[in-house]
N, C-alpha and C. Protein backbone atom coordinates (compact mmCIF):
# COMPACT_ATOMS: atom_id res chain seq x y z
N UNK A 1 161.38 -220.55 -6.39
CA UNK A 1 161.00 -219.68 -5.30
C UNK A 1 162.19 -219.40 -4.42
N UNK A 2 163.04 -220.38 -4.25
CA UNK A 2 164.22 -220.18 -3.42
C UNK A 2 165.12 -219.10 -4.02
N UNK A 3 165.29 -219.14 -5.34
CA UNK A 3 166.13 -218.14 -5.99
C UNK A 3 165.53 -216.74 -5.87
N UNK A 4 164.19 -216.66 -5.97
CA UNK A 4 163.53 -215.36 -5.94
C UNK A 4 163.44 -214.79 -4.53
N UNK A 5 163.11 -215.62 -3.56
CA UNK A 5 162.86 -215.12 -2.21
C UNK A 5 163.91 -215.51 -1.18
N UNK A 6 164.79 -216.44 -1.52
CA UNK A 6 165.74 -216.97 -0.56
C UNK A 6 166.71 -215.97 0.02
N UNK A 7 167.02 -214.93 -0.72
CA UNK A 7 167.95 -213.92 -0.20
C UNK A 7 167.28 -212.92 0.73
N UNK A 8 165.95 -212.94 0.76
CA UNK A 8 165.19 -212.00 1.61
C UNK A 8 165.56 -210.55 1.31
N UNK A 9 165.83 -210.26 0.05
CA UNK A 9 166.28 -208.91 -0.30
C UNK A 9 165.22 -208.08 -1.03
N UNK A 10 164.04 -208.65 -1.27
CA UNK A 10 163.02 -207.90 -1.99
C UNK A 10 162.36 -206.84 -1.11
N UNK A 11 162.15 -207.19 0.13
CA UNK A 11 161.52 -206.25 1.06
C UNK A 11 161.83 -206.69 2.49
N UNK A 12 162.15 -205.76 3.32
CA UNK A 12 162.41 -206.04 4.73
C UNK A 12 161.19 -205.60 5.54
N UNK A 13 160.69 -206.50 6.39
CA UNK A 13 159.55 -206.20 7.23
C UNK A 13 159.75 -206.86 8.59
N UNK A 14 159.20 -206.24 9.60
CA UNK A 14 159.19 -206.87 10.92
C UNK A 14 158.04 -207.87 10.95
N UNK A 15 158.05 -208.72 11.94
CA UNK A 15 156.96 -209.69 12.11
C UNK A 15 155.65 -208.94 12.30
N UNK A 16 155.66 -207.88 13.07
CA UNK A 16 154.43 -207.10 13.29
C UNK A 16 153.92 -206.49 11.99
N UNK A 17 154.82 -206.03 11.13
CA UNK A 17 154.40 -205.49 9.83
C UNK A 17 153.76 -206.57 8.97
N UNK A 18 154.32 -207.76 9.00
CA UNK A 18 153.75 -208.86 8.21
C UNK A 18 152.39 -209.24 8.77
N UNK A 19 152.26 -209.31 10.08
CA UNK A 19 150.95 -209.63 10.68
C UNK A 19 149.91 -208.60 10.27
N UNK A 20 150.28 -207.32 10.28
CA UNK A 20 149.35 -206.27 9.86
C UNK A 20 149.02 -206.39 8.38
N UNK A 21 150.00 -206.72 7.58
CA UNK A 21 149.79 -206.88 6.15
C UNK A 21 148.87 -208.07 5.86
N UNK A 22 148.99 -209.12 6.64
CA UNK A 22 148.12 -210.29 6.47
C UNK A 22 146.65 -209.93 6.61
N UNK A 23 146.34 -208.90 7.38
CA UNK A 23 144.96 -208.50 7.57
C UNK A 23 144.33 -207.97 6.28
N UNK A 24 145.13 -207.64 5.29
CA UNK A 24 144.63 -207.19 3.99
C UNK A 24 144.28 -208.36 3.07
N UNK A 25 144.68 -209.55 3.46
CA UNK A 25 144.52 -210.74 2.63
C UNK A 25 143.19 -211.43 2.91
N UNK A 26 142.47 -211.78 1.84
CA UNK A 26 141.32 -212.66 1.96
C UNK A 26 141.84 -214.06 1.68
N UNK A 27 141.90 -214.85 2.71
CA UNK A 27 142.46 -216.21 2.61
C UNK A 27 141.48 -217.11 1.87
N UNK A 28 141.91 -217.68 0.77
CA UNK A 28 141.04 -218.54 -0.03
C UNK A 28 140.57 -219.77 0.74
N UNK A 29 141.33 -220.19 1.76
CA UNK A 29 140.91 -221.35 2.54
C UNK A 29 139.84 -220.99 3.57
N UNK A 30 139.70 -219.71 3.89
CA UNK A 30 138.69 -219.23 4.84
C UNK A 30 138.12 -217.89 4.37
N UNK A 31 137.47 -217.84 3.20
CA UNK A 31 137.05 -216.54 2.65
C UNK A 31 135.93 -215.86 3.42
N UNK A 32 135.19 -216.61 4.24
CA UNK A 32 134.04 -216.03 4.93
C UNK A 32 134.30 -215.70 6.40
N UNK A 33 135.55 -215.72 6.80
CA UNK A 33 135.91 -215.39 8.18
C UNK A 33 135.78 -213.88 8.36
N UNK A 34 135.14 -213.48 9.46
CA UNK A 34 134.86 -212.07 9.69
C UNK A 34 135.92 -211.34 10.52
N UNK A 35 136.99 -212.01 10.90
CA UNK A 35 138.01 -211.34 11.70
C UNK A 35 139.34 -211.37 10.95
N UNK A 36 140.22 -210.43 11.25
CA UNK A 36 141.50 -210.32 10.53
C UNK A 36 142.36 -211.58 10.69
N UNK A 37 143.19 -211.83 9.69
CA UNK A 37 144.07 -213.00 9.71
C UNK A 37 145.04 -212.98 10.88
N UNK A 38 145.43 -211.81 11.33
CA UNK A 38 146.36 -211.74 12.46
C UNK A 38 145.73 -212.35 13.71
N UNK A 39 144.40 -212.25 13.86
CA UNK A 39 143.74 -212.85 15.02
C UNK A 39 144.01 -214.35 15.07
N UNK A 40 143.99 -214.98 13.92
CA UNK A 40 144.24 -216.42 13.87
C UNK A 40 145.64 -216.74 14.41
N UNK A 41 146.61 -215.92 14.03
CA UNK A 41 147.98 -216.14 14.50
C UNK A 41 148.06 -215.98 16.02
N UNK A 42 147.43 -214.92 16.53
CA UNK A 42 147.43 -214.70 17.98
C UNK A 42 146.67 -215.80 18.72
N UNK A 43 145.53 -216.22 18.18
CA UNK A 43 144.75 -217.28 18.81
C UNK A 43 145.53 -218.59 18.85
N UNK A 44 146.22 -218.88 17.76
CA UNK A 44 147.02 -220.11 17.70
C UNK A 44 148.14 -220.07 18.73
N UNK A 45 148.86 -218.96 18.78
CA UNK A 45 149.96 -218.82 19.74
C UNK A 45 149.45 -218.91 21.17
N UNK A 46 148.32 -218.27 21.45
CA UNK A 46 147.77 -218.29 22.80
C UNK A 46 147.27 -219.69 23.17
N UNK A 47 146.65 -220.38 22.24
CA UNK A 47 146.20 -221.74 22.50
C UNK A 47 147.36 -222.67 22.81
N UNK A 48 148.42 -222.52 22.06
CA UNK A 48 149.62 -223.33 22.30
C UNK A 48 150.24 -222.96 23.65
N UNK A 49 150.25 -221.67 23.99
CA UNK A 49 150.82 -221.25 25.27
C UNK A 49 150.05 -221.86 26.44
N UNK A 50 148.72 -221.90 26.32
CA UNK A 50 147.92 -222.49 27.38
C UNK A 50 148.16 -223.99 27.49
N UNK A 51 148.27 -224.66 26.35
CA UNK A 51 148.45 -226.11 26.35
C UNK A 51 149.88 -226.53 26.69
N UNK A 52 150.84 -225.69 26.32
CA UNK A 52 152.26 -226.02 26.51
C UNK A 52 153.00 -224.81 27.06
N UNK A 53 152.74 -224.42 28.30
CA UNK A 53 153.34 -223.19 28.84
C UNK A 53 154.86 -223.23 28.95
N UNK A 54 155.45 -224.39 28.93
CA UNK A 54 156.89 -224.52 29.07
C UNK A 54 157.64 -224.52 27.74
N UNK A 55 156.94 -224.40 26.63
CA UNK A 55 157.59 -224.48 25.31
C UNK A 55 157.45 -223.14 24.57
N UNK A 56 158.24 -222.16 24.99
CA UNK A 56 158.13 -220.84 24.39
C UNK A 56 158.42 -220.84 22.90
N UNK A 57 159.28 -221.71 22.42
CA UNK A 57 159.57 -221.81 20.99
C UNK A 57 158.30 -222.21 20.23
N UNK A 58 157.45 -223.03 20.85
CA UNK A 58 156.22 -223.51 20.22
C UNK A 58 155.20 -222.36 20.12
N UNK A 59 155.17 -221.47 21.12
CA UNK A 59 154.29 -220.30 21.08
C UNK A 59 154.65 -219.44 19.86
N UNK A 60 155.95 -219.27 19.65
CA UNK A 60 156.42 -218.47 18.52
C UNK A 60 156.05 -219.13 17.19
N UNK A 61 156.20 -220.43 17.10
CA UNK A 61 155.81 -221.15 15.87
C UNK A 61 154.33 -220.93 15.58
N UNK A 62 153.50 -220.97 16.63
CA UNK A 62 152.07 -220.73 16.44
C UNK A 62 151.80 -219.35 15.88
N UNK A 63 152.55 -218.36 16.34
CA UNK A 63 152.37 -216.99 15.85
C UNK A 63 152.81 -216.87 14.39
N UNK A 64 153.90 -217.53 14.05
CA UNK A 64 154.52 -217.36 12.73
C UNK A 64 153.99 -218.29 11.64
N UNK A 65 153.21 -219.29 11.98
CA UNK A 65 152.94 -220.40 11.07
C UNK A 65 152.30 -220.00 9.74
N UNK A 66 151.56 -218.90 9.67
CA UNK A 66 150.91 -218.51 8.42
C UNK A 66 151.52 -217.28 7.75
N UNK A 67 152.66 -216.80 8.23
CA UNK A 67 153.21 -215.56 7.69
C UNK A 67 153.54 -215.65 6.20
N UNK A 68 153.85 -216.84 5.72
CA UNK A 68 154.16 -217.01 4.30
C UNK A 68 153.00 -216.65 3.39
N UNK A 69 151.79 -216.65 3.94
CA UNK A 69 150.61 -216.29 3.13
C UNK A 69 150.69 -214.86 2.60
N UNK A 70 151.51 -214.03 3.23
CA UNK A 70 151.65 -212.65 2.80
C UNK A 70 152.15 -212.57 1.35
N UNK A 71 152.82 -213.61 0.89
CA UNK A 71 153.32 -213.62 -0.50
C UNK A 71 152.19 -213.51 -1.51
N UNK A 72 150.99 -213.90 -1.14
CA UNK A 72 149.84 -213.76 -2.05
C UNK A 72 149.58 -212.29 -2.38
N UNK A 73 149.92 -211.41 -1.47
CA UNK A 73 149.76 -209.97 -1.72
C UNK A 73 150.80 -209.44 -2.71
N UNK A 74 151.80 -210.25 -3.00
CA UNK A 74 152.85 -209.86 -3.94
C UNK A 74 152.80 -210.69 -5.22
N UNK A 75 151.62 -211.30 -5.47
CA UNK A 75 151.41 -212.00 -6.74
C UNK A 75 151.57 -213.51 -6.72
N UNK A 76 151.94 -214.08 -5.60
CA UNK A 76 152.07 -215.53 -5.53
C UNK A 76 150.70 -216.16 -5.33
N UNK A 77 150.47 -217.34 -5.88
CA UNK A 77 149.18 -218.00 -5.67
C UNK A 77 149.06 -218.47 -4.21
N UNK A 78 147.81 -218.58 -3.77
CA UNK A 78 147.61 -219.05 -2.39
C UNK A 78 147.72 -220.54 -2.31
């Protein structure tokens, strides 16, 4: 996987594009969730912000933590 994706040269996307793309994914770990996957990222980031308002790096981690799931849309297993 490192050889295939490590150069980040297959496709360039912004974080917002990836979040939008995640909304097309049916997550096998939560197949019956009725809201888009991006909501989970925003909810996580906001929950962390409320609990740890002084750790802005942690808010970002909460937002980004599931972005790798987008690879399932490109043929990778979940």
